[in-house]
Full PDB file with SEQRES, HELIX, SHEET, SSBOND, CRYST1, ORIGX, SCALE, CONECT and MASTER records, all heavy atoms in Angstrom:
SEQRES   1 A   31  PHE VAL ALA ASN GLN PRO SER HIS VAL GLN ILE SER ASP          
SEQRES   2 A   31  MET THR ILE MET ALA THR LYS GLN ALA THR GLY PHE LEU          
SEQRES   3 A   31  ILE HIS ARG GLU LYS                                          
CRYST1    1.000    1.000    1.000  90.00  90.00  90.00 P 1           1          
ORIGX1      1.000000  0.000000  0.000000        0.00000                         
ORIGX2      0.000000  1.000000  0.000000        0.00000                         
ORIGX3      0.000000  0.000000  1.000000        0.00000                         
SCALE1      1.000000  0.000000  0.000000        0.00000                         
SCALE2      0.000000  1.000000  0.000000        0.00000                         
SCALE3      0.000000  0.000000  1.000000        0.00000                         
ATOM      1  N   PHE A   1      -8.919  -6.426  -4.975  1.00  0.00           N  
ATOM      2  CA  PHE A   1      -9.051  -5.302  -5.869  1.00  0.00           C  
ATOM      3  C   PHE A   1      -8.127  -5.447  -7.127  1.00  0.00           C  
ATOM      4  O   PHE A   1      -8.590  -5.337  -8.315  1.00  0.00           O  
ATOM      5  CB  PHE A   1      -8.817  -3.987  -5.169  1.00  0.00           C  
ATOM      6  CG  PHE A   1      -8.648  -2.790  -6.154  1.00  0.00           C  
ATOM      7  CD1 PHE A   1      -9.804  -2.223  -6.639  1.00  0.00           C  
ATOM      8  CD2 PHE A   1      -7.400  -2.260  -6.602  1.00  0.00           C  
ATOM      9  CE1 PHE A   1      -9.613  -1.110  -7.490  1.00  0.00           C  
ATOM     10  CE2 PHE A   1      -7.304  -1.226  -7.460  1.00  0.00           C  
ATOM     11  CZ  PHE A   1      -8.481  -0.566  -7.927  1.00  0.00           C  
ATOM     12  N   VAL A   2      -6.868  -5.758  -6.877  1.00  0.00           N  
ATOM     13  CA  VAL A   2      -5.847  -5.993  -7.877  1.00  0.00           C  
ATOM     14  C   VAL A   2      -6.386  -7.178  -8.885  1.00  0.00           C  
ATOM     15  O   VAL A   2      -6.312  -7.003 -10.102  1.00  0.00           O  
ATOM     16  CB  VAL A   2      -4.534  -6.371  -7.246  1.00  0.00           C  
ATOM     17  CG1 VAL A   2      -3.517  -6.799  -8.424  1.00  0.00           C  
ATOM     18  CG2 VAL A   2      -3.925  -5.028  -6.696  1.00  0.00           C  
ATOM     19  N   ALA A   3      -6.813  -8.203  -8.212  1.00  0.00           N  
ATOM     20  CA  ALA A   3      -7.225  -9.429  -9.066  1.00  0.00           C  
ATOM     21  C   ALA A   3      -8.459  -9.197  -9.851  1.00  0.00           C  
ATOM     22  O   ALA A   3      -8.622  -9.926 -10.860  1.00  0.00           O  
ATOM     23  CB  ALA A   3      -7.435 -10.488  -8.119  1.00  0.00           C  
ATOM     24  N   ASN A   4      -9.266  -8.221  -9.450  1.00  0.00           N  
ATOM     25  CA  ASN A   4     -10.609  -7.971 -10.203  1.00  0.00           C  
ATOM     26  C   ASN A   4     -10.477  -6.865 -11.266  1.00  0.00           C  
ATOM     27  O   ASN A   4     -11.528  -6.499 -11.818  1.00  0.00           O  
ATOM     28  CB  ASN A   4     -11.642  -7.577  -9.150  1.00  0.00           C  
ATOM     29  CG  ASN A   4     -12.163  -8.749  -8.391  1.00  0.00           C  
ATOM     30  OD1 ASN A   4     -11.897  -9.947  -8.737  1.00  0.00           O  
ATOM     31  ND2 ASN A   4     -12.754  -8.564  -7.325  1.00  0.00           N  
ATOM     32  N   GLN A   5      -9.221  -6.477 -11.539  1.00  0.00           N  
ATOM     33  CA  GLN A   5      -9.174  -5.452 -12.730  1.00  0.00           C  
ATOM     34  C   GLN A   5      -9.399  -6.181 -14.059  1.00  0.00           C  
ATOM     35  O   GLN A   5      -9.332  -7.326 -14.177  1.00  0.00           O  
ATOM     36  CB  GLN A   5      -7.835  -4.838 -12.680  1.00  0.00           C  
ATOM     37  CG  GLN A   5      -7.465  -4.010 -11.428  1.00  0.00           C  
ATOM     38  CD  GLN A   5      -8.565  -2.939 -11.298  1.00  0.00           C  
ATOM     39  OE1 GLN A   5      -8.744  -2.099 -12.141  1.00  0.00           O  
ATOM     40  NE2 GLN A   5      -9.266  -3.022 -10.146  1.00  0.00           N  
ATOM     41  N   PRO A   6      -9.898  -5.340 -15.016  1.00  0.00           N  
ATOM     42  CA  PRO A   6     -10.192  -5.938 -16.406  1.00  0.00           C  
ATOM     43  C   PRO A   6      -8.961  -6.590 -17.035  1.00  0.00           C  
ATOM     44  O   PRO A   6      -7.849  -6.232 -16.461  1.00  0.00           O  
ATOM     45  CB  PRO A   6     -10.625  -4.672 -17.177  1.00  0.00           C  
ATOM     46  CG  PRO A   6     -10.939  -3.668 -16.183  1.00  0.00           C  
ATOM     47  CD  PRO A   6     -10.144  -3.935 -14.869  1.00  0.00           C  
ATOM     48  N   SER A   7      -9.127  -7.284 -17.919  1.00  0.00           N  
ATOM     49  CA  SER A   7      -8.102  -8.214 -18.530  1.00  0.00           C  
ATOM     50  C   SER A   7      -6.963  -7.266 -19.066  1.00  0.00           C  
ATOM     51  O   SER A   7      -5.749  -7.675 -19.067  1.00  0.00           O  
ATOM     52  CB  SER A   7      -8.454  -9.085 -19.642  1.00  0.00           C  
ATOM     53  OG  SER A   7      -9.237  -8.356 -20.628  1.00  0.00           O  
ATOM     54  N   HIS A   8      -7.186  -6.045 -19.497  1.00  0.00           N  
ATOM     55  CA  HIS A   8      -6.162  -5.162 -20.150  1.00  0.00           C  
ATOM     56  C   HIS A   8      -5.447  -4.416 -19.005  1.00  0.00           C  
ATOM     57  O   HIS A   8      -4.552  -3.598 -19.334  1.00  0.00           O  
ATOM     58  CB  HIS A   8      -6.755  -4.258 -21.148  1.00  0.00           C  
ATOM     59  CG  HIS A   8      -7.605  -3.251 -20.615  1.00  0.00           C  
ATOM     60  ND1 HIS A   8      -9.002  -3.518 -20.028  1.00  0.00           N  
ATOM     61  CD2 HIS A   8      -7.448  -1.916 -20.490  1.00  0.00           C  
ATOM     62  CE1 HIS A   8      -9.472  -2.298 -19.670  1.00  0.00           C  
ATOM     63  NE2 HIS A   8      -8.573  -1.416 -19.963  1.00  0.00           N  
ATOM     64  N   VAL A   9      -5.852  -4.529 -17.875  1.00  0.00           N  
ATOM     65  CA  VAL A   9      -5.257  -3.628 -16.722  1.00  0.00           C  
ATOM     66  C   VAL A   9      -4.393  -4.511 -15.795  1.00  0.00           C  
ATOM     67  O   VAL A   9      -4.855  -5.465 -15.182  1.00  0.00           O  
ATOM     68  CB  VAL A   9      -6.337  -2.971 -15.762  1.00  0.00           C  
ATOM     69  CG1 VAL A   9      -5.762  -2.207 -14.699  1.00  0.00           C  
ATOM     70  CG2 VAL A   9      -7.145  -2.031 -16.739  1.00  0.00           C  
ATOM     71  N   GLN A  10      -3.085  -4.192 -15.668  1.00  0.00           N  
ATOM     72  CA  GLN A  10      -2.211  -4.920 -14.764  1.00  0.00           C  
ATOM     73  C   GLN A  10      -1.547  -3.909 -13.810  1.00  0.00           C  
ATOM     74  O   GLN A  10      -0.941  -2.951 -14.199  1.00  0.00           O  
ATOM     75  CB  GLN A  10      -1.091  -5.518 -15.682  1.00  0.00           C  
ATOM     76  CG  GLN A  10       0.074  -6.203 -14.864  1.00  0.00           C  
ATOM     77  CD  GLN A  10       1.186  -6.739 -15.645  1.00  0.00           C  
ATOM     78  OE1 GLN A  10       1.709  -7.804 -15.525  1.00  0.00           O  
ATOM     79  NE2 GLN A  10       1.561  -6.068 -16.777  1.00  0.00           N  
ATOM     80  N   ILE A  11      -1.855  -4.158 -12.646  1.00  0.00           N  
ATOM     81  CA  ILE A  11      -1.306  -3.379 -11.507  1.00  0.00           C  
ATOM     82  C   ILE A  11       0.040  -4.090 -11.042  1.00  0.00           C  
ATOM     83  O   ILE A  11       0.019  -5.081 -10.486  1.00  0.00           O  
ATOM     84  CB  ILE A  11      -2.214  -3.135 -10.254  1.00  0.00           C  
ATOM     85  CG1 ILE A  11      -3.539  -2.494 -10.732  1.00  0.00           C  
ATOM     86  CG2 ILE A  11      -1.501  -2.531  -9.159  1.00  0.00           C  
ATOM     87  CD1 ILE A  11      -4.576  -2.358  -9.633  1.00  0.00           C  
ATOM     88  N   SER A  12       1.153  -3.551 -11.492  1.00  0.00           N  
ATOM     89  CA  SER A  12       2.423  -4.128 -11.327  1.00  0.00           C  
ATOM     90  C   SER A  12       2.832  -4.177  -9.789  1.00  0.00           C  
ATOM     91  O   SER A  12       3.473  -5.046  -9.335  1.00  0.00           O  
ATOM     92  CB  SER A  12       3.438  -3.557 -12.151  1.00  0.00           C  
ATOM     93  OG  SER A  12       3.612  -2.107 -11.791  1.00  0.00           O  
ATOM     94  N   ASP A  13       2.557  -3.003  -9.165  1.00  0.00           N  
ATOM     95  CA  ASP A  13       2.952  -2.931  -7.638  1.00  0.00           C  
ATOM     96  C   ASP A  13       1.951  -2.129  -6.926  1.00  0.00           C  
ATOM     97  O   ASP A  13       1.334  -1.146  -7.420  1.00  0.00           O  
ATOM     98  CB  ASP A  13       4.333  -2.191  -7.511  1.00  0.00           C  
ATOM     99  CG  ASP A  13       5.418  -2.616  -8.481  1.00  0.00           C  
ATOM    100  OD1 ASP A  13       5.546  -2.262  -9.623  1.00  0.00           O  
ATOM    101  OD2 ASP A  13       6.176  -3.501  -7.899  1.00  0.00           O  
ATOM    102  N   MET A  14       1.744  -2.585  -5.735  1.00  0.00           N  
ATOM    103  CA  MET A  14       0.914  -1.827  -4.831  1.00  0.00           C  
ATOM    104  C   MET A  14       1.557  -1.799  -3.321  1.00  0.00           C  
ATOM    105  O   MET A  14       1.931  -2.879  -2.828  1.00  0.00           O  
ATOM    106  CB  MET A  14      -0.435  -2.452  -4.683  1.00  0.00           C  
ATOM    107  CG  MET A  14      -1.383  -1.640  -3.774  1.00  0.00           C  
ATOM    108  SD  MET A  14      -2.962  -2.473  -3.542  1.00  0.00           S  
ATOM    109  CE  MET A  14      -3.749  -1.870  -5.067  1.00  0.00           C  
ATOM    110  N   THR A  15       1.901  -0.613  -2.864  1.00  0.00           N  
ATOM    111  CA  THR A  15       2.473  -0.499  -1.623  1.00  0.00           C  
ATOM    112  C   THR A  15       1.421   0.151  -0.607  1.00  0.00           C  
ATOM    113  O   THR A  15       0.743   1.147  -0.948  1.00  0.00           O  
ATOM    114  CB  THR A  15       3.640   0.661  -1.670  1.00  0.00           C  
ATOM    115  OG1 THR A  15       4.578   0.095  -2.560  1.00  0.00           O  
ATOM    116  CG2 THR A  15       4.310   0.676  -0.265  1.00  0.00           C  
ATOM    117  N   ILE A  16       1.285  -0.502   0.604  1.00  0.00           N  
ATOM    118  CA  ILE A  16       0.149  -0.178   1.415  1.00  0.00           C  
ATOM    119  C   ILE A  16       0.810   0.029   2.851  1.00  0.00           C  
ATOM    120  O   ILE A  16       1.437  -0.875   3.401  1.00  0.00           O  
ATOM    121  CB  ILE A  16      -0.966  -1.296   1.477  1.00  0.00           C  
ATOM    122  CG1 ILE A  16      -1.260  -1.718   0.144  1.00  0.00           C  
ATOM    123  CG2 ILE A  16      -2.074  -0.928   2.337  1.00  0.00           C  
ATOM    124  CD1 ILE A  16      -1.863  -3.017   0.092  1.00  0.00           C  
ATOM    125  N   MET A  17       0.582   1.181   3.409  1.00  0.00           N  
ATOM    126  CA  MET A  17       1.083   1.456   4.746  1.00  0.00           C  
ATOM    127  C   MET A  17      -0.037   2.052   5.683  1.00  0.00           C  
ATOM    128  O   MET A  17      -0.903   2.523   5.210  1.00  0.00           O  
ATOM    129  CB  MET A  17       2.308   2.384   4.616  1.00  0.00           C  
ATOM    130  CG  MET A  17       3.541   1.867   4.048  1.00  0.00           C  
ATOM    131  SD  MET A  17       4.944   2.832   4.232  1.00  0.00           S  
ATOM    132  CE  MET A  17       4.666   4.017   2.983  1.00  0.00           C  
ATOM    133  N   ALA A  18       0.160   1.881   6.943  1.00  0.00           N  
ATOM    134  CA  ALA A  18      -0.708   2.558   7.934  1.00  0.00           C  
ATOM    135  C   ALA A  18      -0.448   4.075   7.789  1.00  0.00           C  
ATOM    136  O   ALA A  18       0.530   4.561   7.352  1.00  0.00           O  
ATOM    137  CB  ALA A  18      -0.317   2.057   9.389  1.00  0.00           C  
ATOM    138  N   THR A  19      -1.544   4.781   8.188  1.00  0.00           N  
ATOM    139  CA  THR A  19      -1.572   6.210   7.959  1.00  0.00           C  
ATOM    140  C   THR A  19      -0.368   6.831   8.706  1.00  0.00           C  
ATOM    141  O   THR A  19       0.286   7.845   8.103  1.00  0.00           O  
ATOM    142  CB  THR A  19      -2.776   6.849   8.463  1.00  0.00           C  
ATOM    143  OG1 THR A  19      -3.893   6.214   7.765  1.00  0.00           O  
ATOM    144  CG2 THR A  19      -2.783   8.369   8.239  1.00  0.00           C  
ATOM    145  N   LYS A  20      -0.007   6.362   9.819  1.00  0.00           N  
ATOM    146  CA  LYS A  20       1.114   6.959  10.639  1.00  0.00           C  
ATOM    147  C   LYS A  20       2.416   6.128  10.478  1.00  0.00           C  
ATOM    148  O   LYS A  20       3.205   6.107  11.387  1.00  0.00           O  
ATOM    149  CB  LYS A  20       0.741   7.173  11.977  1.00  0.00           C  
ATOM    150  CG  LYS A  20      -0.347   8.269  12.102  1.00  0.00           C  
ATOM    151  CD  LYS A  20      -0.583   8.588  13.551  1.00  0.00           C  
ATOM    152  CE  LYS A  20      -1.575   9.893  13.632  1.00  0.00           C  
ATOM    153  NZ  LYS A  20      -1.881  10.256  14.936  1.00  0.00           N  
ATOM    154  N   GLN A  21       2.633   5.601   9.316  1.00  0.00           N  
ATOM    155  CA  GLN A  21       3.805   4.905   8.907  1.00  0.00           C  
ATOM    156  C   GLN A  21       4.382   5.548   7.690  1.00  0.00           C  
ATOM    157  O   GLN A  21       3.624   5.892   6.759  1.00  0.00           O  
ATOM    158  CB  GLN A  21       3.660   3.399   8.643  1.00  0.00           C  
ATOM    159  CG  GLN A  21       4.963   2.708   8.299  1.00  0.00           C  
ATOM    160  CD  GLN A  21       4.708   1.180   8.041  1.00  0.00           C  
ATOM    161  OE1 GLN A  21       3.534   0.774   7.776  1.00  0.00           O  
ATOM    162  NE2 GLN A  21       5.848   0.476   7.811  1.00  0.00           N  
ATOM    163  N   ALA A  22       5.751   5.868   7.632  1.00  0.00           N  
ATOM    164  CA  ALA A  22       6.213   6.420   6.456  1.00  0.00           C  
ATOM    165  C   ALA A  22       7.191   5.348   5.805  1.00  0.00           C  
ATOM    166  O   ALA A  22       6.654   4.177   5.469  1.00  0.00           O  
ATOM    167  CB  ALA A  22       7.126   7.677   6.750  1.00  0.00           C  
ATOM    168  N   THR A  23       8.468   5.512   5.756  1.00  0.00           N  
ATOM    169  CA  THR A  23       9.350   4.503   5.059  1.00  0.00           C  
ATOM    170  C   THR A  23       9.747   3.409   6.069  1.00  0.00           C  
ATOM    171  O   THR A  23      10.195   3.635   7.160  1.00  0.00           O  
ATOM    172  CB  THR A  23      10.610   5.121   4.507  1.00  0.00           C  
ATOM    173  OG1 THR A  23      11.270   5.830   5.608  1.00  0.00           O  
ATOM    174  CG2 THR A  23      10.369   6.241   3.490  1.00  0.00           C  
ATOM    175  N   GLY A  24       9.391   2.209   5.539  1.00  0.00           N  
ATOM    176  CA  GLY A  24       9.874   1.033   6.394  1.00  0.00           C  
ATOM    177  C   GLY A  24       9.385   1.024   7.790  1.00  0.00           C  
ATOM    178  O   GLY A  24       8.237   1.044   8.194  1.00  0.00           O  
ATOM    179  N   PHE A  25      10.410   1.216   8.803  1.00  0.00           N  
ATOM    180  CA  PHE A  25      10.020   1.156  10.193  1.00  0.00           C  
ATOM    181  C   PHE A  25       9.943   2.556  10.842  1.00  0.00           C  
ATOM    182  O   PHE A  25       9.930   2.644  12.042  1.00  0.00           O  
ATOM    183  CB  PHE A  25      11.097   0.243  10.958  1.00  0.00           C  
ATOM    184  CG  PHE A  25      10.624  -0.866  11.796  1.00  0.00           C  
ATOM    185  CD1 PHE A  25       9.566  -1.664  11.283  1.00  0.00           C  
ATOM    186  CD2 PHE A  25      11.016  -1.078  13.076  1.00  0.00           C  
ATOM    187  CE1 PHE A  25       9.154  -2.706  11.997  1.00  0.00           C  
ATOM    188  CE2 PHE A  25      10.408  -2.098  13.902  1.00  0.00           C  
ATOM    189  CZ  PHE A  25       9.508  -2.872  13.288  1.00  0.00           C  
ATOM    190  N   LEU A  26       9.750   3.468   9.993  1.00  0.00           N  
ATOM    191  CA  LEU A  26       9.597   4.945  10.564  1.00  0.00           C  
ATOM    192  C   LEU A  26       8.090   5.121  10.774  1.00  0.00           C  
ATOM    193  O   LEU A  26       7.270   5.166   9.840  1.00  0.00           O  
ATOM    194  CB  LEU A  26      10.036   5.992   9.510  1.00  0.00           C  
ATOM    195  CG  LEU A  26       9.900   7.328   9.967  1.00  0.00           C  
ATOM    196  CD1 LEU A  26      10.814   7.588  11.262  1.00  0.00           C  
ATOM    197  CD2 LEU A  26      10.410   8.391   8.850  1.00  0.00           C  
ATOM    198  N   ILE A  27       7.860   5.006  12.155  1.00  0.00           N  
ATOM    199  CA  ILE A  27       6.477   5.055  12.573  1.00  0.00           C  
ATOM    200  C   ILE A  27       6.212   6.122  13.637  1.00  0.00           C  
ATOM    201  O   ILE A  27       7.170   6.204  14.548  1.00  0.00           O  
ATOM    202  CB  ILE A  27       6.104   3.593  13.183  1.00  0.00           C  
ATOM    203  CG1 ILE A  27       6.022   2.602  12.082  1.00  0.00           C  
ATOM    204  CG2 ILE A  27       4.691   3.580  13.909  1.00  0.00           C  
ATOM    205  CD1 ILE A  27       5.951   1.135  12.538  1.00  0.00           C  
ATOM    206  N   HIS A  28       5.127   6.803  13.540  1.00  0.00           N  
ATOM    207  CA  HIS A  28       4.751   7.690  14.662  1.00  0.00           C  
ATOM    208  C   HIS A  28       3.757   7.033  15.541  1.00  0.00           C  
ATOM    209  O   HIS A  28       2.697   6.641  15.230  1.00  0.00           O  
ATOM    210  CB  HIS A  28       4.081   9.026  14.103  1.00  0.00           C  
ATOM    211  CG  HIS A  28       3.550   9.838  15.177  1.00  0.00           C  
ATOM    212  ND1 HIS A  28       4.479  10.751  15.883  1.00  0.00           N  
ATOM    213  CD2 HIS A  28       2.304  10.076  15.616  1.00  0.00           C  
ATOM    214  CE1 HIS A  28       3.834  11.385  16.819  1.00  0.00           C  
ATOM    215  NE2 HIS A  28       2.506  11.006  16.677  1.00  0.00           N  
ATOM    216  N   ARG A  29       4.204   6.971  16.825  1.00  0.00           N  
ATOM    217  CA  ARG A  29       3.438   6.248  17.902  1.00  0.00           C  
ATOM    218  C   ARG A  29       2.767   7.180  18.847  1.00  0.00           C  
ATOM    219  O   ARG A  29       3.587   8.142  19.347  1.00  0.00           O  
ATOM    220  CB  ARG A  29       4.305   5.205  18.606  1.00  0.00           C  
ATOM    221  CG  ARG A  29       4.911   4.155  17.727  1.00  0.00           C  
ATOM    222  CD  ARG A  29       5.612   3.149  18.484  1.00  0.00           C  
ATOM    223  NE  ARG A  29       6.416   2.150  17.512  1.00  0.00           N  
ATOM    224  CZ  ARG A  29       5.862   1.092  17.136  1.00  0.00           C  
ATOM    225  NH1 ARG A  29       4.589   0.749  17.485  1.00  0.00           N  
ATOM    226  NH2 ARG A  29       6.556   0.333  16.355  1.00  0.00           N  
ATOM    227  N   GLU A  30       1.521   7.139  19.133  1.00  0.00           N  
ATOM    228  CA  GLU A  30       0.916   7.911  20.142  1.00  0.00           C  
ATOM    229  C   GLU A  30       1.229   7.459  21.453  1.00  0.00           C  
ATOM    230  O   GLU A  30       1.261   6.222  21.700  1.00  0.00           O  
ATOM    231  CB  GLU A  30      -0.544   7.942  19.942  1.00  0.00           C  
ATOM    232  CG  GLU A  30      -1.119   8.394  18.529  1.00  0.00           C  
ATOM    233  CD  GLU A  30      -0.808   9.946  18.314  1.00  0.00           C  
ATOM    234  OE1 GLU A  30      -0.653  10.580  19.302  1.00  0.00           O  
ATOM    235  OE2 GLU A  30      -0.891  10.333  17.156  1.00  0.00           O  
ATOM    236  N   LYS A  31       1.531   8.343  22.348  1.00  0.00           N  
ATOM    237  CA  LYS A  31       1.868   7.901  23.701  1.00  0.00           C  
ATOM    238  C   LYS A  31       0.487   7.771  24.546  1.00  0.00           C  
ATOM    239  O   LYS A  31      -0.373   8.346  24.419  1.00  0.00           O  
ATOM    240  CB  LYS A  31       2.782   8.807  24.368  1.00  0.00           C  
ATOM    241  CG  LYS A  31       4.063   8.968  23.649  1.00  0.00           C  
ATOM    242  CD  LYS A  31       5.090   9.996  24.374  1.00  0.00           C  
ATOM    243  CE  LYS A  31       6.379   9.988  23.585  1.00  0.00           C  
ATOM    244  NZ  LYS A  31       7.283  11.057  24.253  1.00  0.00           N  
TER     245      LYS A  31                                                      
MASTER        0    0    0    0    0    0    0    6  244    1    0    3          
END                                                                             
C-alpha cells in the first residue's frame, strides 16, 4: 500500500499493531 501511493504522496511512517496490543510488549492475552 505504501509503495503504491502516487508520486506526490510520501508515507513517512506506518505503525501496525495487533488489535489487543498497545505500546510495545503491552499485550492483552485471552486465557
